[in-house]
Amino acid sequence: MVTQAVDEILRKAKDSDESKPQPTGVHVGTTTGDISVKSLYQYRLFELLPVIEATDKSRAESLLNENTDCSSAMLRVRPERSSS
């Protein structure tokens, strides 16, 4: 059920990005650093990545490999990921 919800959120974010003439960039400040991503989809992926990792680590890695901006942002705010 969690996986289905995550898939639905990511699908809607991707659909939203594709329906806009220009991508929606997102910038977020955190206590461990700032992140910027180029689309709503990448932001949702960044936001949901801890949940995806908890349910399917290999899928999380695959999604990060496909979305290098999100991967770089995640390493900036969660440096412990570099050793996992």
PDB file of N, CA and C in Angstrom:
ATOM      1  N   MET A   1       0.819  -1.196   0.000  1.00  0.00           N
ATOM      2  CA  MET A   1       0.000   0.000   0.000  1.00  0.00           C
ATOM      3  C   MET A   1       0.868   1.268   0.000  1.00  0.00           C
ATOM      4  N   VAL A   2       1.945   1.263   0.786  1.00  0.00           N
ATOM      5  CA  VAL A   2       2.844   2.422   0.819  1.00  0.00           C
ATOM      6  C   VAL A   2       3.468   2.638  -0.553  1.00  0.00           C
ATOM      7  N   THR A   3       3.910   1.557  -1.174  1.00  0.00           N
ATOM      8  CA  THR A   3       4.532   1.660  -2.491  1.00  0.00           C
ATOM      9  C   THR A   3       3.558   2.239  -3.510  1.00  0.00           C
ATOM     10  N   GLN A   4       2.312   1.818  -3.454  1.00  0.00           N
ATOM     11  CA  GLN A   4       1.301   2.345  -4.378  1.00  0.00           C
ATOM     12  C   GLN A   4       1.080   3.839  -4.163  1.00  0.00           C
ATOM     13  N   ALA A   5       1.055   4.266  -2.916  1.00  0.00           N
ATOM     14  CA  ALA A   5       0.863   5.690  -2.617  1.00  0.00           C
ATOM     15  C   ALA A   5       2.043   6.508  -3.130  1.00  0.00           C
ATOM     16  N   VAL A   6       3.255   6.022  -2.902  1.00  0.00           N
ATOM     17  CA  VAL A   6       4.455   6.714  -3.388  1.00  0.00           C
ATOM     18  C   VAL A   6       4.420   6.800  -4.910  1.00  0.00           C
ATOM     19  N   ASP A   7       4.104   5.686  -5.567  1.00  0.00           N
ATOM     20  CA  ASP A   7       4.024   5.682  -7.033  1.00  0.00           C
ATOM     21  C   ASP A   7       3.010   6.703  -7.542  1.00  0.00           C
ATOM     22  N   GLU A   8       1.877   6.802  -6.877  1.00  0.00           N
ATOM     23  CA  GLU A   8       0.832   7.745  -7.288  1.00  0.00           C
ATOM     24  C   GLU A   8       1.299   9.194  -7.120  1.00  0.00           C
ATOM     25  N   ILE A   9       1.944   9.489  -6.021  1.00  0.00           N
ATOM     26  CA  ILE A   9       2.456  10.848  -5.783  1.00  0.00           C
ATOM     27  C   ILE A   9       3.495  11.210  -6.839  1.00  0.00           C
ATOM     28  N   LEU A  10       4.423  10.291  -7.111  1.00  0.00           N
ATOM     29  CA  LEU A  10       5.461  10.561  -8.113  1.00  0.00           C
ATOM     30  C   LEU A  10       4.854  10.689  -9.509  1.00  0.00           C
ATOM     31  N   ARG A  11       3.862   9.863  -9.829  1.00  0.00           N
ATOM     32  CA  ARG A  11       3.213   9.942 -11.140  1.00  0.00           C
ATOM     33  C   ARG A  11       2.521  11.290 -11.326  1.00  0.00           C
ATOM     34  N   LYS A  12       1.799  11.727 -10.291  1.00  0.00           N
ATOM     35  CA  LYS A  12       1.110  13.019 -10.379  1.00  0.00           C
ATOM     36  C   LYS A  12       2.101  14.171 -10.508  1.00  0.00           C
ATOM     37  N   ALA A  13       3.217  14.093  -9.805  1.00  0.00           N
ATOM     38  CA  ALA A  13       4.236  15.139  -9.905  1.00  0.00           C
ATOM     39  C   ALA A  13       4.824  15.172 -11.311  1.00  0.00           C
ATOM     40  N   LYS A  14       5.099  14.000 -11.877  1.00  0.00           N
ATOM     41  CA  LYS A  14       5.643  13.938 -13.236  1.00  0.00           C
ATOM     42  C   LYS A  14       4.625  14.471 -14.241  1.00  0.00           C
ATOM     43  N   ASP A  15       3.362  14.088 -14.087  1.00  0.00           N
ATOM     44  CA  ASP A  15       2.307  14.600 -14.975  1.00  0.00           C
ATOM     45  C   ASP A  15       2.204  16.122 -14.879  1.00  0.00           C
ATOM     46  N   SER A  16       2.301  16.647 -13.675  1.00  0.00           N
ATOM     47  CA  SER A  16       2.234  18.091 -13.470  1.00  0.00           C
ATOM     48  C   SER A  16       3.394  18.786 -14.172  1.00  0.00           C
ATOM     49  N   ASP A  17       4.592  18.218 -14.032  1.00  0.00           N
ATOM     50  CA  ASP A  17       5.764  18.799 -14.698  1.00  0.00           C
ATOM     51  C   ASP A  17       5.594  18.795 -16.214  1.00  0.00           C
ATOM     52  N   GLU A  18       5.077  17.694 -16.748  1.00  0.00           N
ATOM     53  CA  GLU A  18       4.937  17.566 -18.199  1.00  0.00           C
ATOM     54  C   GLU A  18       3.848  18.470 -18.768  1.00  0.00           C
ATOM     55  N   SER A  19       2.893  18.868 -17.940  1.00  0.00           N
ATOM     56  CA  SER A  19       1.804  19.709 -18.439  1.00  0.00           C
ATOM     57  C   SER A  19       2.138  21.201 -18.408  1.00  0.00           C
ATOM     58  N   LYS A  20       3.278  21.549 -17.826  1.00  0.00           N
ATOM     59  CA  LYS A  20       3.665  22.964 -17.736  1.00  0.00           C
ATOM     60  C   LYS A  20       4.666  23.297 -18.834  1.00  0.00           C
ATOM     61  N   PRO A  21       4.584  24.514 -19.374  1.00  0.00           N
ATOM     62  CA  PRO A  21       5.519  24.894 -20.430  1.00  0.00           C
ATOM     63  C   PRO A  21       6.963  24.985 -19.933  1.00  0.00           C
ATOM     64  N   GLN A  22       7.140  25.334 -18.669  1.00  0.00           N
ATOM     65  CA  GLN A  22       8.478  25.397 -18.076  1.00  0.00           C
ATOM     66  C   GLN A  22       8.461  24.621 -16.767  1.00  0.00           C
ATOM     67  N   PRO A  23       9.552  23.901 -16.470  1.00  0.00           N
ATOM     68  CA  PRO A  23       9.583  23.141 -15.222  1.00  0.00           C
ATOM     69  C   PRO A  23       9.504  24.049 -13.997  1.00  0.00           C
ATOM     70  N   THR A  24       8.967  23.525 -12.923  1.00  0.00           N
ATOM     71  CA  THR A  24       8.879  24.247 -11.664  1.00  0.00           C
ATOM     72  C   THR A  24      10.084  23.883 -10.819  1.00  0.00           C
ATOM     73  N   GLY A  25      10.989  24.816 -10.615  1.00  0.00           N
ATOM     74  CA  GLY A  25      12.128  24.571  -9.742  1.00  0.00           C
ATOM     75  C   GLY A  25      11.719  24.764  -8.289  1.00  0.00           C
ATOM     76  N   VAL A  26      12.381  24.029  -7.405  1.00  0.00           N
ATOM     77  CA  VAL A  26      12.078  24.118  -5.982  1.00  0.00           C
ATOM     78  C   VAL A  26      13.384  24.308  -5.225  1.00  0.00           C
ATOM     79  N   HIS A  27      13.398  25.280  -4.311  1.00  0.00           N
ATOM     80  CA  HIS A  27      14.559  25.529  -3.448  1.00  0.00           C
ATOM     81  C   HIS A  27      14.084  25.420  -2.007  1.00  0.00           C
ATOM     82  N   VAL A  28      14.805  24.630  -1.214  1.00  0.00           N
ATOM     83  CA  VAL A  28      14.423  24.407   0.182  1.00  0.00           C
ATOM     84  C   VAL A  28      15.648  24.602   1.065  1.00  0.00           C
ATOM     85  N   GLY A  29      15.471  25.336   2.154  1.00  0.00           N
ATOM     86  CA  GLY A  29      16.534  25.492   3.144  1.00  0.00           C
ATOM     87  C   GLY A  29      16.293  24.544   4.308  1.00  0.00           C
ATOM     88  N   THR A  30      17.325  23.834   4.727  1.00  0.00           N
ATOM     89  CA  THR A  30      17.225  22.930   5.871  1.00  0.00           C
ATOM     90  C   THR A  30      18.319  23.282   6.866  1.00  0.00           C
ATOM     91  N   THR A  31      18.273  22.691   8.027  1.00  0.00           N
ATOM     92  CA  THR A  31      19.310  22.955   9.031  1.00  0.00           C
ATOM     93  C   THR A  31      20.659  22.392   8.610  1.00  0.00           C
ATOM     94  N   THR A  32      20.664  21.430   7.697  1.00  0.00           N
ATOM     95  CA  THR A  32      21.929  20.848   7.245  1.00  0.00           C
ATOM     96  C   THR A  32      22.364  21.352   5.878  1.00  0.00           C
ATOM     97  N   GLY A  33      21.615  22.266   5.285  1.00  0.00           N
ATOM     98  CA  GLY A  33      21.999  22.831   4.002  1.00  0.00           C
ATOM     99  C   GLY A  33      20.793  23.128   3.133  1.00  0.00           C
ATOM    100  N   ASP A  34      21.045  23.828   2.034  1.00  0.00           N
ATOM    101  CA  ASP A  34      19.999  24.175   1.081  1.00  0.00           C
ATOM    102  C   ASP A  34      20.024  23.184  -0.073  1.00  0.00           C
ATOM    103  N   ILE A  35      18.866  22.958  -0.654  1.00  0.00           N
ATOM    104  CA  ILE A  35      18.792  22.126  -1.848  1.00  0.00           C
ATOM    105  C   ILE A  35      17.977  22.844  -2.911  1.00  0.00           C
ATOM    106  N   SER A  36      18.321  22.581  -4.143  1.00  0.00           N
ATOM    107  CA  SER A  36      17.554  23.074  -5.285  1.00  0.00           C
ATOM    108  C   SER A  36      17.379  21.921  -6.255  1.00  0.00           C
ATOM    109  N   VAL A  37      16.169  21.729  -6.713  1.00  0.00           N
ATOM    110  CA  VAL A  37      15.897  20.722  -7.729  1.00  0.00           C
ATOM    111  C   VAL A  37      15.119  21.388  -8.855  1.00  0.00           C
ATOM    112  N   LYS A  38      15.121  20.757 -10.021  1.00  0.00           N
ATOM    113  CA  LYS A  38      14.597  21.397 -11.224  1.00  0.00           C
ATOM    114  C   LYS A  38      13.128  21.128 -11.516  1.00  0.00           C
ATOM    115  N   SER A  39      12.495  20.270 -10.717  1.00  0.00           N
ATOM    116  CA  SER A  39      11.099  19.946 -11.025  1.00  0.00           C
ATOM    117  C   SER A  39      10.355  19.512  -9.771  1.00  0.00           C
ATOM    118  N   LEU A  40       9.044  19.534  -9.871  1.00  0.00           N
ATOM    119  CA  LEU A  40       8.207  19.048  -8.778  1.00  0.00           C
ATOM    120  C   LEU A  40       8.459  17.556  -8.550  1.00  0.00           C
ATOM    121  N   TYR A  41       8.649  16.806  -9.634  1.00  0.00           N
ATOM    122  CA  TYR A  41       8.932  15.369  -9.510  1.00  0.00           C
ATOM    123  C   TYR A  41      10.193  15.140  -8.673  1.00  0.00           C
ATOM    124  N   GLN A  42      11.259  15.874  -8.966  1.00  0.00           N
ATOM    125  CA  GLN A  42      12.500  15.703  -8.204  1.00  0.00           C
ATOM    126  C   GLN A  42      12.315  16.099  -6.743  1.00  0.00           C
ATOM    127  N   TYR A  43      11.531  17.132  -6.499  1.00  0.00           N
ATOM    128  CA  TYR A  43      11.258  17.525  -5.122  1.00  0.00           C
ATOM    129  C   TYR A  43      10.492  16.427  -4.388  1.00  0.00           C
ATOM    130  N   ARG A  44       9.457  15.886  -5.014  1.00  0.00           N
ATOM    131  CA  ARG A  44       8.690  14.804  -4.381  1.00  0.00           C
ATOM    132  C   ARG A  44       9.574  13.580  -4.148  1.00  0.00           C
ATOM    133  N   LEU A  45      10.447  13.285  -5.097  1.00  0.00           N
ATOM    134  CA  LEU A  45      11.369  12.164  -4.916  1.00  0.00           C
ATOM    135  C   LEU A  45      12.276  12.419  -3.720  1.00  0.00           C
ATOM    136  N   PHE A  46      12.819  13.621  -3.636  1.00  0.00           N
ATOM    137  CA  PHE A  46      13.658  13.992  -2.495  1.00  0.00           C
ATOM    138  C   PHE A  46      12.880  13.846  -1.187  1.00  0.00           C
ATOM    139  N   GLU A  47      11.666  14.321  -1.192  1.00  0.00           N
ATOM    140  CA  GLU A  47      10.811  14.296  -0.011  1.00  0.00           C
ATOM    141  C   GLU A  47      10.463  12.859   0.416  1.00  0.00           C
ATOM    142  N   LEU A  48      10.212  11.993  -0.556  1.00  0.00           N
ATOM    143  CA  LEU A  48       9.764  10.629  -0.267  1.00  0.00           C
ATOM    144  C   LEU A  48      10.893   9.606  -0.200  1.00  0.00           C
ATOM    145  N   LEU A  49      12.105  10.013  -0.518  1.00  0.00           N
ATOM    146  CA  LEU A  49      13.197   9.051  -0.583  1.00  0.00           C
ATOM    147  C   LEU A  49      13.398   8.246   0.701  1.00  0.00           C
ATOM    148  N   PRO A  50      13.316   8.836   1.880  1.00  0.00           N
ATOM    149  CA  PRO A  50      13.464   8.006   3.088  1.00  0.00           C
ATOM    150  C   PRO A  50      12.410   6.892   3.171  1.00  0.00           C
ATOM    151  N   VAL A  51      11.199   7.169   2.720  1.00  0.00           N
ATOM    152  CA  VAL A  51      10.142   6.145   2.721  1.00  0.00           C
ATOM    153  C   VAL A  51      10.460   5.064   1.691  1.00  0.00           C
ATOM    154  N   ILE A  52      10.896   5.484   0.507  1.00  0.00           N
ATOM    155  CA  ILE A  52      11.233   4.518  -0.541  1.00  0.00           C
ATOM    156  C   ILE A  52      12.396   3.643  -0.086  1.00  0.00           C
ATOM    157  N   GLU A  53      13.405   4.253   0.529  1.00  0.00           N
ATOM    158  CA  GLU A  53      14.543   3.475   1.027  1.00  0.00           C
ATOM    159  C   GLU A  53      14.107   2.447   2.067  1.00  0.00           C
ATOM    160  N   ALA A  54      13.181   2.821   2.913  1.00  0.00           N
ATOM    161  CA  ALA A  54      12.723   1.908   3.968  1.00  0.00           C
ATOM    162  C   ALA A  54      11.941   0.725   3.401  1.00  0.00           C
ATOM    163  N   THR A  55      11.274   0.927   2.276  1.00  0.00           N
ATOM    164  CA  THR A  55      10.454  -0.147   1.713  1.00  0.00           C
ATOM    165  C   THR A  55      11.152  -0.917   0.605  1.00  0.00           C
ATOM    166  N   ASP A  56      12.070  -0.265  -0.132  1.00  0.00           N
ATOM    167  CA  ASP A  56      12.737  -0.932  -1.260  1.00  0.00           C
ATOM    168  C   ASP A  56      14.035  -0.196  -1.593  1.00  0.00           C
ATOM    169  N   LYS A  57      15.109  -0.593  -0.936  1.00  0.00           N
ATOM    170  CA  LYS A  57      16.398   0.095  -1.087  1.00  0.00           C
ATOM    171  C   LYS A  57      16.887   0.095  -2.541  1.00  0.00           C
ATOM    172  N   SER A  58      16.735  -1.019  -3.246  1.00  0.00           N
ATOM    173  CA  SER A  58      17.226  -1.070  -4.628  1.00  0.00           C
ATOM    174  C   SER A  58      16.436  -0.117  -5.531  1.00  0.00           C
ATOM    175  N   ARG A  59      15.154   0.019  -5.294  1.00  0.00           N
ATOM    176  CA  ARG A  59      14.351   0.974  -6.074  1.00  0.00           C
ATOM    177  C   ARG A  59      14.788   2.403  -5.788  1.00  0.00           C
ATOM    178  N   ALA A  60      15.071   2.696  -4.521  1.00  0.00           N
ATOM    179  CA  ALA A  60      15.540   4.033  -4.155  1.00  0.00           C
ATOM    180  C   ALA A  60      16.835   4.359  -4.890  1.00  0.00           C
ATOM    181  N   GLU A  61      17.763   3.413  -4.914  1.00  0.00           N
ATOM    182  CA  GLU A  61      19.033   3.634  -5.612  1.00  0.00           C
ATOM    183  C   GLU A  61      18.809   3.833  -7.106  1.00  0.00           C
ATOM    184  N   SER A  62      17.924   3.050  -7.683  1.00  0.00           N
ATOM    185  CA  SER A  62      17.619   3.175  -9.105  1.00  0.00           C
ATOM    186  C   SER A  62      17.028   4.550  -9.430  1.00  0.00           C
ATOM    187  N   LEU A  63      16.086   5.003  -8.613  1.00  0.00           N
ATOM    188  CA  LEU A  63      15.483   6.325  -8.823  1.00  0.00           C
ATOM    189  C   LEU A  63      16.521   7.432  -8.681  1.00  0.00           C
ATOM    190  N   LEU A  64      17.425   7.296  -7.721  1.00  0.00           N
ATOM    191  CA  LEU A  64      18.475   8.304  -7.553  1.00  0.00           C
ATOM    192  C   LEU A  64      19.422   8.311  -8.743  1.00  0.00           C
ATOM    193  N   ASN A  65      19.746   7.130  -9.264  1.00  0.00           N
ATOM    194  CA  ASN A  65      20.624   7.062 -10.434  1.00  0.00           C
ATOM    195  C   ASN A  65      19.987   7.725 -11.647  1.00  0.00           C
ATOM    196  N   GLU A  66      18.661   7.666 -11.739  1.00  0.00           N
ATOM    197  CA  GLU A  66      17.940   8.298 -12.847  1.00  0.00           C
ATOM    198  C   GLU A  66      17.778   9.803 -12.649  1.00  0.00           C
ATOM    199  N   ASN A  67      17.942  10.274 -11.427  1.00  0.00           N
ATOM    200  CA  ASN A  67      17.700  11.682 -11.080  1.00  0.00           C
ATOM    201  C   ASN A  67      18.898  12.236 -10.322  1.00  0.00           C
ATOM    202  N   THR A  68      19.959  12.542 -11.048  1.00  0.00           N
ATOM    203  CA  THR A  68      21.210  12.938 -10.404  1.00  0.00           C
ATOM    204  C   THR A  68      21.093  14.240  -9.620  1.00  0.00           C
ATOM    205  N   ASP A  69      20.226  15.167 -10.038  1.00  0.00           N
ATOM    206  CA  ASP A  69      20.047  16.402  -9.263  1.00  0.00           C
ATOM    207  C   ASP A  69      19.527  16.085  -7.868  1.00  0.00           C
ATOM    208  N   CYS A  70      18.583  15.185  -7.799  1.00  0.00           N
ATOM    209  CA  CYS A  70      18.020  14.793  -6.508  1.00  0.00           C
ATOM    210  C   CYS A  70      19.072  14.056  -5.686  1.00  0.00           C
ATOM    211  N   SER A  71      19.855  13.224  -6.333  1.00  0.00           N
ATOM    212  CA  SER A  71      20.910  12.490  -5.638  1.00  0.00           C
ATOM    213  C   SER A  71      21.917  13.448  -5.020  1.00  0.00           C
ATOM    214  N   SER A  72      22.326  14.450  -5.772  1.00  0.00           N
ATOM    215  CA  SER A  72      23.279  15.445  -5.256  1.00  0.00           C
ATOM    216  C   SER A  72      22.682  16.220  -4.096  1.00  0.00           C
ATOM    217  N   ALA A  73      21.417  16.591  -4.212  1.00  0.00           N
ATOM    218  CA  ALA A  73      20.746  17.320  -3.132  1.00  0.00           C
ATOM    219  C   ALA A  73      20.667  16.469  -1.878  1.00  0.00           C
ATOM    220  N   MET A  74      20.351  15.206  -2.040  1.00  0.00           N
ATOM    221  CA  MET A  74      20.234  14.307  -0.899  1.00  0.00           C
ATOM    222  C   MET A  74      21.578  14.166  -0.186  1.00  0.00           C
ATOM    223  N   LEU A  75      22.657  14.079  -0.923  1.00  0.00           N
ATOM    224  CA  LEU A  75      23.981  13.964  -0.299  1.00  0.00           C
ATOM    225  C   LEU A  75      24.353  15.227   0.466  1.00  0.00           C
ATOM    226  N   ARG A  76      23.885  16.391  -0.011  1.00  0.00           N
ATOM    227  CA  ARG A  76      24.200  17.633   0.694  1.00  0.00           C
ATOM    228  C   ARG A  76      23.492  17.722   2.041  1.00  0.00           C
ATOM    229  N   VAL A  77      22.259  17.267   2.120  1.00  0.00           N
ATOM    230  CA  VAL A  77      21.521  17.390   3.380  1.00  0.00           C
ATOM    231  C   VAL A  77      21.561  16.121   4.226  1.00  0.00           C
ATOM    232  N   ARG A  78      21.946  15.006   3.612  1.00  0.00           N
ATOM    233  CA  ARG A  78      22.092  13.748   4.353  1.00  0.00           C
ATOM    234  C   ARG A  78      23.413  13.103   3.969  1.00  0.00           C
ATOM    235  N   PRO A  79      24.538  13.669   4.441  1.00  0.00           N
ATOM    236  CA  PRO A  79      25.847  13.162   4.027  1.00  0.00           C
ATOM    237  C   PRO A  79      26.082  11.701   4.396  1.00  0.00           C
ATOM    238  N   GLU A  80      25.352  11.175   5.369  1.00  0.00           N
ATOM    239  CA  GLU A  80      25.516   9.772   5.745  1.00  0.00           C
ATOM    240  C   GLU A  80      25.133   8.827   4.611  1.00  0.00           C
ATOM    241  N   ARG A  81      24.393   9.314   3.611  1.00  0.00           N
ATOM    242  CA  ARG A  81      24.028   8.476   2.462  1.00  0.00           C
ATOM    243  C   ARG A  81      25.252   8.065   1.659  1.00  0.00           C
ATOM    244  N   SER A  82      26.306   8.860   1.675  1.00  0.00           N
ATOM    245  CA  SER A  82      27.472   8.533   0.862  1.00  0.00           C
ATOM    246  C   SER A  82      28.135   7.247   1.314  1.00  0.00           C
ATOM    247  N   SER A  83      27.941   6.857   2.555  1.00  0.00           N
ATOM    248  CA  SER A  83      28.543   5.623   3.049  1.00  0.00           C
ATOM    249  C   SER A  83      27.586   4.447   2.990  1.00  0.00           C
ATOM    250  N   SER A  84      26.326   4.683   2.590  1.00  0.00           N
ATOM    251  CA  SER A  84      25.362   3.571   2.544  1.00  0.00           C
ATOM    252  C   SER A  84      25.324   2.922   1.191  1.00  0.00           C
TER     253      SER A  84
END
